[in-house]
Structure formats: C-alpha cells, structure tokens
Protein backbone atom coordinates (compact mmCIF):
# COMPACT_ATOMS: atom_id res chain seq x y z
CA MET A 1 2.09 -9.26 -20.41
CA ALA A 2 1.59 -7.04 -17.79
CA ILE A 3 -0.89 -8.00 -14.89
CA THR A 4 -2.81 -5.11 -13.08
CA THR A 5 -3.91 -5.84 -9.39
CA PRO A 6 -5.37 -4.13 -6.61
CA THR A 7 -3.56 -3.02 -3.50
CA SER A 8 -4.90 -5.65 -1.54
CA ALA A 9 -6.50 -9.11 -1.93
CA PRO A 10 -8.41 -11.70 0.29
CA THR A 11 -6.04 -13.99 2.05
CA THR A 12 -8.28 -17.02 2.43
CA THR A 13 -6.90 -18.73 -0.67
CA THR A 14 -4.05 -21.81 -0.57
CA ALA A 15 -3.57 -21.96 -4.18
CA PRO A 16 0.28 -21.34 -4.31
CA ALA A 17 0.06 -18.80 -7.04
CA GLU A 18 -2.60 -16.43 -5.00
CA VAL A 19 -0.61 -17.22 -1.81
CA VAL A 20 2.36 -15.44 -3.34
CA ARG A 21 0.36 -12.67 -5.04
CA THR A 22 -1.57 -11.90 -1.98
CA PHE A 23 1.44 -11.72 0.34
CA LEU A 24 3.14 -9.26 -1.82
CA LEU A 25 0.28 -7.24 -2.55
CA ALA A 26 0.02 -7.03 1.37
CA LEU A 27 3.59 -5.95 1.62
CA GLN A 28 2.75 -3.27 -1.04
CA ALA A 29 -0.05 -2.26 1.20
CA GLY A 30 1.77 -2.05 4.26
CA ASP A 31 -0.42 -4.51 5.95
CA LEU A 32 2.76 -6.46 7.63
CA ASP A 33 0.25 -8.64 9.88
CA SER A 34 -1.58 -10.19 6.44
CA ALA A 35 1.61 -10.83 4.87
CA LEU A 36 3.35 -12.46 7.73
CA GLU A 37 0.31 -14.65 8.31
CA LEU A 38 1.10 -16.32 4.75
CA LEU A 39 4.54 -16.96 5.95
CA ALA A 40 5.37 -20.37 7.63
CA GLU A 41 6.99 -20.37 10.87
CA ASP A 42 10.19 -22.01 9.50
CA VAL A 43 10.30 -19.74 6.33
CA ARG A 44 13.92 -18.94 4.72
CA TYR A 45 13.48 -15.64 3.17
CA ILE A 46 16.86 -15.87 0.80
CA ASN A 47 18.02 -12.72 -1.48
CA VAL A 48 20.71 -14.54 -3.42
CA SER A 49 24.48 -13.57 -2.48
CA LEU A 50 22.91 -12.19 1.12
CA PRO A 51 22.68 -13.95 4.27
CA THR A 52 19.44 -15.86 4.40
CA VAL A 53 16.96 -15.01 7.13
CA ARG A 54 15.39 -17.77 8.63
CA GLY A 55 12.08 -18.08 10.67
CA ARG A 56 8.78 -15.58 10.50
CA GLY A 57 9.83 -14.01 13.56
CA ARG A 58 13.18 -12.49 11.99
CA VAL A 59 11.44 -11.72 8.84
CA GLU A 60 8.67 -9.87 11.05
CA ARG A 61 11.57 -7.93 13.03
CA LEU A 62 13.67 -7.10 9.32
CA PHE A 63 10.21 -5.67 7.90
CA ARG A 64 8.95 -4.01 10.86
CA SER A 65 12.07 -2.00 11.36
CA VAL A 66 11.98 -1.05 7.73
CA TYR A 67 8.59 -0.02 7.72
CA ALA A 68 9.03 1.94 10.78
CA ARG A 69 11.82 3.83 9.42
CA GLY A 70 9.24 4.93 6.62
CA GLY A 71 10.03 2.08 4.15
CA ARG A 72 7.63 1.08 1.54
CA PHE A 73 7.34 -1.55 -1.36
CA ARG A 74 5.46 -1.56 -4.47
CA VAL A 75 5.20 -4.48 -7.01
CA HIS A 76 4.46 -4.98 -10.43
CA PHE A 77 4.23 -8.57 -11.73
CA HIS A 78 5.50 -9.22 -15.21
CA GLY A 79 4.49 -12.76 -15.04
CA ILE A 80 3.47 -15.32 -12.20
CA ALA A 81 3.54 -19.18 -12.78
CA ALA A 82 2.89 -22.13 -10.47
CA ASP A 83 4.14 -25.86 -10.74
CA GLY A 84 2.70 -27.62 -7.85
CA ASP A 85 3.89 -25.86 -4.67
CA VAL A 86 6.61 -23.99 -6.75
CA VAL A 87 5.50 -20.20 -7.81
CA LEU A 88 7.66 -18.25 -9.93
CA THR A 89 7.50 -14.56 -10.33
CA ASP A 90 8.89 -12.21 -12.90
CA ARG A 91 8.60 -8.38 -11.48
CA THR A 92 9.31 -5.20 -11.05
CA ASP A 93 10.06 -4.04 -7.58
CA GLU A 94 10.25 -0.79 -5.81
CA VAL A 95 11.69 0.04 -2.49
CA GLY A 96 11.64 3.43 -1.19
CA ILE A 97 12.03 5.49 2.33
CA GLY A 98 11.33 9.21 2.30
CA ARG A 99 11.98 10.73 -1.40
CA PHE A 100 14.24 7.91 -2.36
CA GLU A 101 12.71 5.13 -4.64
CA GLN A 102 14.69 2.28 -6.30
CA ARG A 103 12.85 0.25 -9.12
CA LEU A 104 14.34 -3.01 -9.90
CA TRP A 105 13.92 -6.31 -11.52
CA VAL A 106 13.37 -9.22 -9.38
CA TYR A 107 13.17 -12.98 -10.29
CA GLY A 108 11.46 -14.94 -7.34
CA ARG A 109 11.02 -18.39 -6.37
CA PHE A 110 8.53 -19.20 -4.08
CA ILE A 111 7.93 -22.75 -2.06
CA VAL A 112 4.19 -22.65 -0.92
CA LYS A 113 2.80 -25.68 1.21
CA ASP A 114 -0.59 -25.56 2.99
CA GLY A 115 -1.29 -22.01 1.93
CA LYS A 116 1.91 -20.86 3.76
CA ILE A 117 5.35 -19.67 2.27
CA THR A 118 7.95 -22.11 3.06
CA VAL A 119 10.78 -20.55 1.07
CA TRP A 120 10.74 -17.16 -0.48
CA ARG A 121 13.99 -16.49 -3.04
CA ASP A 122 14.75 -13.37 -4.86
CA SER A 123 17.35 -13.12 -7.31
CA PHE A 124 18.55 -9.87 -8.99
CA ASP A 125 21.28 -8.60 -11.05
CA TRP A 126 23.92 -6.34 -9.09
CA LEU A 127 24.66 -4.14 -12.07
CA ASP A 128 20.57 -3.30 -12.16
CA VAL A 129 20.65 -2.82 -8.44
CA THR A 130 23.36 -0.45 -8.63
CA ARG A 131 22.02 1.56 -11.57
CA SER A 132 18.79 1.63 -9.90
CA ALA A 133 20.13 2.93 -7.16
CA LEU A 134 22.07 5.76 -8.48
CA ARG A 135 18.98 6.61 -10.73
CA GLY A 136 16.76 6.60 -7.05
CA LEU A 137 19.30 8.73 -5.73
CA ILE A 138 19.32 11.17 -8.78
CA ALA A 139 15.72 11.12 -8.94
CA ILE A 140 15.42 12.74 -5.62
CA ALA A 141 16.35 16.07 -7.26
CA ILE A 142 15.33 15.27 -10.84
CA PRO A 143 12.29 12.78 -10.38
CA ALA A 144 12.17 12.22 -14.16
CA LEU A 145 15.37 10.54 -14.23
CA ASN A 146 14.10 7.56 -12.28
CA ARG A 147 13.35 4.55 -13.84
CA PRO A 148 9.77 4.63 -15.24
CA TRP A 149 7.12 2.45 -13.27
CA PRO A 150 6.01 -0.26 -15.76
CA GLY A 151 2.62 0.48 -17.13
CA GLY A 152 3.13 4.28 -16.68
CA GLN A 153 1.62 4.37 -13.09
C-alpha cells in the first residue's frame, strides 16, 4: 500500500512512527535543522555492512557535506509500522547529486525514545544498490532508463 505524504510535516509529535516520518520528510525537503532536531545526541546511524556513524554531530557533518555538494534525498513509504519505540519502514529512497539519481529499496528500523531517534538502521540489498547505481548513471544520458518512481511521480 502506497502512502502519499506532503514534503514537510509538523515536528511537534512524539509518536514514534510520526517522528520517523517527519524526520525523513524533513530530509526530503532539505530541512536539515528540523531533521537533526529529531535525532538524539548519541544517535547511532547504521547502514548495514558500512561503518556506524555515532552521534548527532557526526551525522550532521555527514549530511551537511552531502547537501552542500548539491545532494538531495527523496522518500516513498511503501509501509511504516510501530510497536512501542520501534518503527519499521519499507520504502524507496532516491539519492541524487547533479543529474544522477539512484532509486533503491530500503528497509529501516528506528528506535525512538522521548520523541528522539536513538537508532537509525537501514538495510538494503547490495545487488539492488549496484543495479540502481548503474541505472542512475545510464539515465544521465537516457532518463527513461532509470528505475520508475513508485506511484509514477
């Protein structure tokens, strides 16, 4: 089931699923300040099989450097579910810079305590990452060959 969401959302909620949704939508909107406010000081950002980024300051440096180089992010939620403080997301992410756009499937597991994300753990399939990167590179010349965005938008 596809979930259509606006590009930004209020940041006053502490319901775990809404904190995660608001966080990812703030990243999509390029509103790093709002996104960072939703991270705990000691957050752990884990991309499975890559080094863990520990602490909001390091996450901030990473994302500010990417956005400063023209990086962008877009998210499509296929599903989002919460059980207590744990939020699971099934989503398609698009990461881009310049004319390059890579669209890939991501499974996320977040832990939210007191309205702040303490763990952000994303998992993905390396074969899918490789395919989507190649499609993104080819699509610089022939945009129609990139993976379609879910929902056709």
